[in-house]
Amino acid sequence: KLISKIDSAIRRIEDGTYGYCEATGEPIGLRRLEARPTATLSLEAQERHERKERTLRDD
Protein backbone atom coordinates (compact mmCIF):
# COMPACT_ATOMS: atom_id res chain seq x y z
CA LYS A 1 0.00 0.00 0.00
CA LEU A 2 2.84 2.38 0.82
CA ILE A 3 4.51 1.69 -2.52
CA SER A 4 1.32 2.63 -4.35
CA LYS A 5 1.14 5.87 -2.33
CA ILE A 6 4.76 6.64 -3.22
CA ASP A 7 4.08 5.90 -6.91
CA SER A 8 1.07 8.21 -6.75
CA ALA A 9 3.18 10.97 -5.16
CA ILE A 10 5.78 10.59 -7.91
CA ARG A 11 3.04 10.91 -10.56
CA ARG A 12 1.78 14.07 -8.83
CA ILE A 13 5.33 15.48 -8.86
CA GLU A 14 5.58 14.74 -12.59
CA ASP A 15 2.22 16.32 -13.44
CA GLY A 16 2.76 19.33 -11.17
CA THR A 17 0.00 18.62 -8.66
CA TYR A 18 2.21 17.43 -5.79
CA GLY A 19 1.81 19.53 -2.68
CA TYR A 20 -1.74 20.61 -3.43
CA CYS A 21 -4.80 19.36 -1.57
CA GLU A 22 -7.01 17.07 -3.64
CA ALA A 23 -10.13 18.37 -1.85
CA THR A 24 -9.53 22.12 -1.92
CA GLY A 25 -6.72 22.72 -4.41
CA GLU A 26 -4.91 24.77 -1.76
CA PRO A 27 -1.22 24.13 -1.03
CA ILE A 28 -0.49 21.48 1.60
CA GLY A 29 1.70 22.90 4.36
CA LEU A 30 5.40 22.16 4.19
CA ARG A 31 5.46 20.74 7.73
CA ARG A 32 2.71 18.26 6.77
CA LEU A 33 4.58 17.22 3.62
CA GLU A 34 7.79 16.80 5.61
CA ALA A 35 5.96 14.59 8.11
CA ARG A 36 3.95 12.70 5.48
CA PRO A 37 5.39 13.11 1.96
CA THR A 38 2.55 11.07 0.43
CA ALA A 39 -0.17 13.36 1.85
CA THR A 40 -2.92 14.25 -0.62
CA LEU A 41 -5.01 16.40 1.71
CA SER A 42 -4.17 19.51 3.68
CA LEU A 43 -4.25 19.14 7.44
CA GLU A 44 -7.63 20.88 7.63
CA ALA A 45 -9.15 18.75 4.86
CA GLN A 46 -7.77 15.58 6.47
CA GLU A 47 -9.30 16.55 9.81
CA ARG A 48 -12.68 17.18 8.13
CA HIS A 49 -12.43 13.82 6.37
CA GLU A 50 -11.65 12.02 9.64
CA ARG A 51 -14.52 13.75 11.48
CA LYS A 52 -16.93 12.77 8.71
CA GLU A 53 -15.59 9.21 8.74
CA ARG A 54 -16.07 9.00 12.53
CA THR A 55 -19.61 10.36 12.26
CA LEU A 56 -20.54 7.81 9.61
CA ARG A 57 -18.96 4.98 11.61
CA ASP A 58 -20.79 6.01 14.79
CA ASP A 59 -24.22 5.98 13.08
PDB file of N, CA and C in Angstrom:
ATOM      1  N   LYS A   1       0.829  -1.192   0.000  1.00  0.00           N
ATOM      2  CA  LYS A   1       0.000   0.000   0.000  1.00  0.00           C
ATOM      3  C   LYS A   1       0.877   1.260   0.000  1.00  0.00           C
ATOM      4  N   LEU A   2       1.944   1.230   0.775  1.00  0.00           N
ATOM      5  CA  LEU A   2       2.838   2.385   0.823  1.00  0.00           C
ATOM      6  C   LEU A   2       3.496   2.621  -0.529  1.00  0.00           C
ATOM      7  N   ILE A   3       3.884   1.548  -1.204  1.00  0.00           N
ATOM      8  CA  ILE A   3       4.514   1.693  -2.516  1.00  0.00           C
ATOM      9  C   ILE A   3       3.553   2.352  -3.497  1.00  0.00           C
ATOM     10  N   SER A   4       2.278   1.993  -3.445  1.00  0.00           N
ATOM     11  CA  SER A   4       1.318   2.626  -4.353  1.00  0.00           C
ATOM     12  C   SER A   4       1.145   4.101  -4.010  1.00  0.00           C
ATOM     13  N   LYS A   5       1.222   4.464  -2.726  1.00  0.00           N
ATOM     14  CA  LYS A   5       1.138   5.872  -2.334  1.00  0.00           C
ATOM     15  C   LYS A   5       2.364   6.641  -2.809  1.00  0.00           C
ATOM     16  N   ILE A   6       3.528   6.011  -2.743  1.00  0.00           N
ATOM     17  CA  ILE A   6       4.761   6.641  -3.222  1.00  0.00           C
ATOM     18  C   ILE A   6       4.688   6.827  -4.740  1.00  0.00           C
ATOM     19  N   ASP A   7       4.236   5.789  -5.451  1.00  0.00           N
ATOM     20  CA  ASP A   7       4.081   5.897  -6.906  1.00  0.00           C
ATOM     21  C   ASP A   7       3.127   7.029  -7.267  1.00  0.00           C
ATOM     22  N   SER A   8       2.045   7.150  -6.517  1.00  0.00           N
ATOM     23  CA  SER A   8       1.075   8.210  -6.752  1.00  0.00           C
ATOM     24  C   SER A   8       1.708   9.584  -6.510  1.00  0.00           C
ATOM     25  N   ALA A   9       2.500   9.698  -5.448  1.00  0.00           N
ATOM     26  CA  ALA A   9       3.181  10.971  -5.157  1.00  0.00           C
ATOM     27  C   ALA A   9       4.148  11.329  -6.281  1.00  0.00           C
ATOM     28  N   ILE A  10       4.854  10.349  -6.808  1.00  0.00           N
ATOM     29  CA  ILE A  10       5.784  10.593  -7.914  1.00  0.00           C
ATOM     30  C   ILE A  10       5.015  11.071  -9.147  1.00  0.00           C
ATOM     31  N   ARG A  11       3.861  10.461  -9.425  1.00  0.00           N
ATOM     32  CA  ARG A  11       3.043  10.910 -10.561  1.00  0.00           C
ATOM     33  C   ARG A  11       2.585  12.349 -10.359  1.00  0.00           C
ATOM     34  N   ARG A  12       2.211  12.694  -9.118  1.00  0.00           N
ATOM     35  CA  ARG A  12       1.780  14.067  -8.833  1.00  0.00           C
ATOM     36  C   ARG A  12       2.942  15.049  -8.995  1.00  0.00           C
ATOM     37  N   ILE A  13       4.149  14.628  -8.642  1.00  0.00           N
ATOM     38  CA  ILE A  13       5.331  15.478  -8.860  1.00  0.00           C
ATOM     39  C   ILE A  13       5.496  15.715 -10.360  1.00  0.00           C
ATOM     40  N   GLU A  14       5.388  14.643 -11.137  1.00  0.00           N
ATOM     41  CA  GLU A  14       5.578  14.740 -12.586  1.00  0.00           C
ATOM     42  C   GLU A  14       4.523  15.605 -13.258  1.00  0.00           C
ATOM     43  N   ASP A  15       3.275  15.529 -12.774  1.00  0.00           N
ATOM     44  CA  ASP A  15       2.221  16.319 -13.436  1.00  0.00           C
ATOM     45  C   ASP A  15       1.999  17.684 -12.784  1.00  0.00           C
ATOM     46  N   GLY A  16       2.803  17.995 -11.767  1.00  0.00           N
ATOM     47  CA  GLY A  16       2.758  19.330 -11.170  1.00  0.00           C
ATOM     48  C   GLY A  16       1.688  19.537 -10.119  1.00  0.00           C
ATOM     49  N   THR A  17       1.042  18.460  -9.667  1.00  0.00           N
ATOM     50  CA  THR A  17      -0.002  18.619  -8.655  1.00  0.00           C
ATOM     51  C   THR A  17       0.457  18.243  -7.252  1.00  0.00           C
ATOM     52  N   TYR A  18       1.700  17.802  -7.122  1.00  0.00           N
ATOM     53  CA  TYR A  18       2.213  17.425  -5.791  1.00  0.00           C
ATOM     54  C   TYR A  18       2.226  18.650  -4.881  1.00  0.00           C
ATOM     55  N   GLY A  19       1.780  18.446  -3.658  1.00  0.00           N
ATOM     56  CA  GLY A  19       1.814  19.530  -2.682  1.00  0.00           C
ATOM     57  C   GLY A  19       0.528  20.334  -2.631  1.00  0.00           C
ATOM     58  N   TYR A  20      -0.451  19.934  -3.443  1.00  0.00           N
ATOM     59  CA  TYR A  20      -1.744  20.614  -3.434  1.00  0.00           C
ATOM     60  C   TYR A  20      -2.827  19.654  -2.967  1.00  0.00           C
ATOM     61  N   CYS A  21      -3.715  20.153  -2.148  1.00  0.00           N
ATOM     62  CA  CYS A  21      -4.797  19.357  -1.571  1.00  0.00           C
ATOM     63  C   CYS A  21      -5.756  18.892  -2.657  1.00  0.00           C
ATOM     64  N   GLU A  22      -6.073  17.610  -2.670  1.00  0.00           N
ATOM     65  CA  GLU A  22      -7.013  17.073  -3.644  1.00  0.00           C
ATOM     66  C   GLU A  22      -8.436  17.571  -3.405  1.00  0.00           C
ATOM     67  N   ALA A  23      -8.770  17.933  -2.174  1.00  0.00           N
ATOM     68  CA  ALA A  23     -10.126  18.373  -1.847  1.00  0.00           C
ATOM     69  C   ALA A  23     -10.337  19.856  -2.125  1.00  0.00           C
ATOM     70  N   THR A  24      -9.335  20.666  -1.836  1.00  0.00           N
ATOM     71  CA  THR A  24      -9.527  22.122  -1.922  1.00  0.00           C
ATOM     72  C   THR A  24      -8.684  22.793  -3.003  1.00  0.00           C
ATOM     73  N   GLY A  25      -7.630  22.123  -3.444  1.00  0.00           N
ATOM     74  CA  GLY A  25      -6.723  22.723  -4.414  1.00  0.00           C
ATOM     75  C   GLY A  25      -5.715  23.675  -3.784  1.00  0.00           C
ATOM     76  N   GLU A  26      -5.832  23.889  -2.485  1.00  0.00           N
ATOM     77  CA  GLU A  26      -4.909  24.768  -1.765  1.00  0.00           C
ATOM     78  C   GLU A  26      -3.592  24.027  -1.503  1.00  0.00           C
ATOM     79  N   PRO A  27      -2.499  24.772  -1.341  1.00  0.00           N
ATOM     80  CA  PRO A  27      -1.223  24.127  -1.029  1.00  0.00           C
ATOM     81  C   PRO A  27      -1.278  23.384   0.314  1.00  0.00           C
ATOM     82  N   ILE A  28      -0.633  22.238   0.356  1.00  0.00           N
ATOM     83  CA  ILE A  28      -0.488  21.478   1.598  1.00  0.00           C
ATOM     84  C   ILE A  28       0.724  22.070   2.309  1.00  0.00           C
ATOM     85  N   GLY A  29       0.615  22.293   3.604  1.00  0.00           N
ATOM     86  CA  GLY A  29       1.700  22.898   4.363  1.00  0.00           C
ATOM     87  C   GLY A  29       2.986  22.085   4.307  1.00  0.00           C
ATOM     88  N   LEU A  30       4.095  22.805   4.275  1.00  0.00           N
ATOM     89  CA  LEU A  30       5.401  22.162   4.190  1.00  0.00           C
ATOM     90  C   LEU A  30       5.650  21.215   5.358  1.00  0.00           C
ATOM     91  N   ARG A  31       5.250  21.619   6.556  1.00  0.00           N
ATOM     92  CA  ARG A  31       5.463  20.741   7.727  1.00  0.00           C
ATOM     93  C   ARG A  31       4.709  19.432   7.559  1.00  0.00           C
ATOM     94  N   ARG A  32       3.490  19.485   6.997  1.00  0.00           N
ATOM     95  CA  ARG A  32       2.714  18.257   6.770  1.00  0.00           C
ATOM     96  C   ARG A  32       3.416  17.386   5.729  1.00  0.00           C
ATOM     97  N   LEU A  33       3.896  17.999   4.658  1.00  0.00           N
ATOM     98  CA  LEU A  33       4.579  17.217   3.625  1.00  0.00           C
ATOM     99  C   LEU A  33       5.889  16.634   4.138  1.00  0.00           C
ATOM    100  N   GLU A  34       6.560  17.359   5.015  1.00  0.00           N
ATOM    101  CA  GLU A  34       7.789  16.804   5.610  1.00  0.00           C
ATOM    102  C   GLU A  34       7.459  15.607   6.481  1.00  0.00           C
ATOM    103  N   ALA A  35       6.359  15.687   7.221  1.00  0.00           N
ATOM    104  CA  ALA A  35       5.965  14.593   8.109  1.00  0.00           C
ATOM    105  C   ALA A  35       5.363  13.419   7.336  1.00  0.00           C
ATOM    106  N   ARG A  36       4.625  13.737   6.263  1.00  0.00           N
ATOM    107  CA  ARG A  36       3.951  12.705   5.477  1.00  0.00           C
ATOM    108  C   ARG A  36       4.062  13.084   3.992  1.00  0.00           C
ATOM    109  N   PRO A  37       5.162  12.711   3.349  1.00  0.00           N
ATOM    110  CA  PRO A  37       5.390  13.111   1.959  1.00  0.00           C
ATOM    111  C   PRO A  37       4.329  12.615   0.976  1.00  0.00           C
ATOM    112  N   THR A  38       3.570  11.595   1.335  1.00  0.00           N
ATOM    113  CA  THR A  38       2.546  11.071   0.434  1.00  0.00           C
ATOM    114  C   THR A  38       1.179  11.704   0.672  1.00  0.00           C
ATOM    115  N   ALA A  39       1.105  12.724   1.526  1.00  0.00           N
ATOM    116  CA  ALA A  39      -0.173  13.365   1.847  1.00  0.00           C
ATOM    117  C   ALA A  39      -0.842  13.914   0.593  1.00  0.00           C
ATOM    118  N   THR A  40      -2.153  13.714   0.502  1.00  0.00           N
ATOM    119  CA  THR A  40      -2.915  14.245  -0.625  1.00  0.00           C
ATOM    120  C   THR A  40      -3.923  15.288  -0.167  1.00  0.00           C
ATOM    121  N   LEU A  41      -4.076  15.433   1.149  1.00  0.00           N
ATOM    122  CA  LEU A  41      -5.012  16.400   1.711  1.00  0.00           C
ATOM    123  C   LEU A  41      -4.278  17.334   2.660  1.00  0.00           C
ATOM    124  N   SER A  42      -4.712  18.582   2.694  1.00  0.00           N
ATOM    125  CA  SER A  42      -4.173  19.513   3.682  1.00  0.00           C
ATOM    126  C   SER A  42      -4.571  19.022   5.067  1.00  0.00           C
ATOM    127  N   LEU A  43      -3.930  19.543   6.073  1.00  0.00           N
ATOM    128  CA  LEU A  43      -4.250  19.140   7.438  1.00  0.00           C
ATOM    129  C   LEU A  43      -5.722  19.391   7.740  1.00  0.00           C
ATOM    130  N   GLU A  44      -6.231  20.546   7.351  1.00  0.00           N
ATOM    131  CA  GLU A  44      -7.628  20.885   7.628  1.00  0.00           C
ATOM    132  C   GLU A  44      -8.577  19.942   6.895  1.00  0.00           C
ATOM    133  N   ALA A  45      -8.296  19.659   5.634  1.00  0.00           N
ATOM    134  CA  ALA A  45      -9.145  18.748   4.856  1.00  0.00           C
ATOM    135  C   ALA A  45      -9.082  17.338   5.424  1.00  0.00           C
ATOM    136  N   GLN A  46      -7.909  16.910   5.873  1.00  0.00           N
ATOM    137  CA  GLN A  46      -7.766  15.579   6.471  1.00  0.00           C
ATOM    138  C   GLN A  46      -8.573  15.492   7.761  1.00  0.00           C
ATOM    139  N   GLU A  47      -8.534  16.541   8.574  1.00  0.00           N
ATOM    140  CA  GLU A  47      -9.298  16.546   9.814  1.00  0.00           C
ATOM    141  C   GLU A  47     -10.789  16.483   9.524  1.00  0.00           C
ATOM    142  N   ARG A  48     -11.264  17.233   8.515  1.00  0.00           N
ATOM    143  CA  ARG A  48     -12.681  17.175   8.128  1.00  0.00           C
ATOM    144  C   ARG A  48     -13.055  15.779   7.674  1.00  0.00           C
ATOM    145  N   HIS A  49     -12.190  15.175   6.868  1.00  0.00           N
ATOM    146  CA  HIS A  49     -12.426  13.818   6.374  1.00  0.00           C
ATOM    147  C   HIS A  49     -12.538  12.822   7.530  1.00  0.00           C
ATOM    148  N   GLU A  50     -11.634  12.929   8.501  1.00  0.00           N
ATOM    149  CA  GLU A  50     -11.648  12.016   9.643  1.00  0.00           C
ATOM    150  C   GLU A  50     -12.888  12.226  10.511  1.00  0.00           C
ATOM    151  N   ARG A  51     -13.303  13.491  10.705  1.00  0.00           N
ATOM    152  CA  ARG A  51     -14.523  13.750  11.479  1.00  0.00           C
ATOM    153  C   ARG A  51     -15.733  13.143  10.778  1.00  0.00           C
ATOM    154  N   LYS A  52     -15.811  13.326   9.475  1.00  0.00           N
ATOM    155  CA  LYS A  52     -16.930  12.772   8.708  1.00  0.00           C
ATOM    156  C   LYS A  52     -16.918  11.254   8.784  1.00  0.00           C
ATOM    157  N   GLU A  53     -15.739  10.659   8.664  1.00  0.00           N
ATOM    158  CA  GLU A  53     -15.594   9.212   8.741  1.00  0.00           C
ATOM    159  C   GLU A  53     -16.055   8.690  10.102  1.00  0.00           C
ATOM    160  N   ARG A  54     -15.652   9.395  11.177  1.00  0.00           N
ATOM    161  CA  ARG A  54     -16.066   9.001  12.526  1.00  0.00           C
ATOM    162  C   ARG A  54     -17.577   9.101  12.699  1.00  0.00           C
ATOM    163  N   THR A  55     -18.168  10.159  12.167  1.00  0.00           N
ATOM    164  CA  THR A  55     -19.607  10.359  12.259  1.00  0.00           C
ATOM    165  C   THR A  55     -20.337   9.239  11.551  1.00  0.00           C
ATOM    166  N   LEU A  56     -19.890   8.884  10.358  1.00  0.00           N
ATOM    167  CA  LEU A  56     -20.540   7.809   9.615  1.00  0.00           C
ATOM    168  C   LEU A  56     -20.372   6.471  10.315  1.00  0.00           C
ATOM    169  N   ARG A  57     -19.233   6.245  10.921  1.00  0.00           N
ATOM    170  CA  ARG A  57     -18.959   4.982  11.613  1.00  0.00           C
ATOM    171  C   ARG A  57     -19.803   4.874  12.881  1.00  0.00           C
ATOM    172  N   ASP A  58     -20.043   6.012  13.542  1.00  0.00           N
ATOM    173  CA  ASP A  58     -20.795   6.006  14.788  1.00  0.00           C
ATOM    174  C   ASP A  58     -22.299   5.825  14.577  1.00  0.00           C
ATOM    175  N   ASP A  59     -22.777   6.101  13.366  1.00  0.00           N
ATOM    176  CA  ASP A  59     -24.220   5.976  13.082  1.00  0.00           C
ATOM    177  C   ASP A  59     -24.684   4.551  13.018  1.00  0.00           C
TER     178      ASP A  59
END
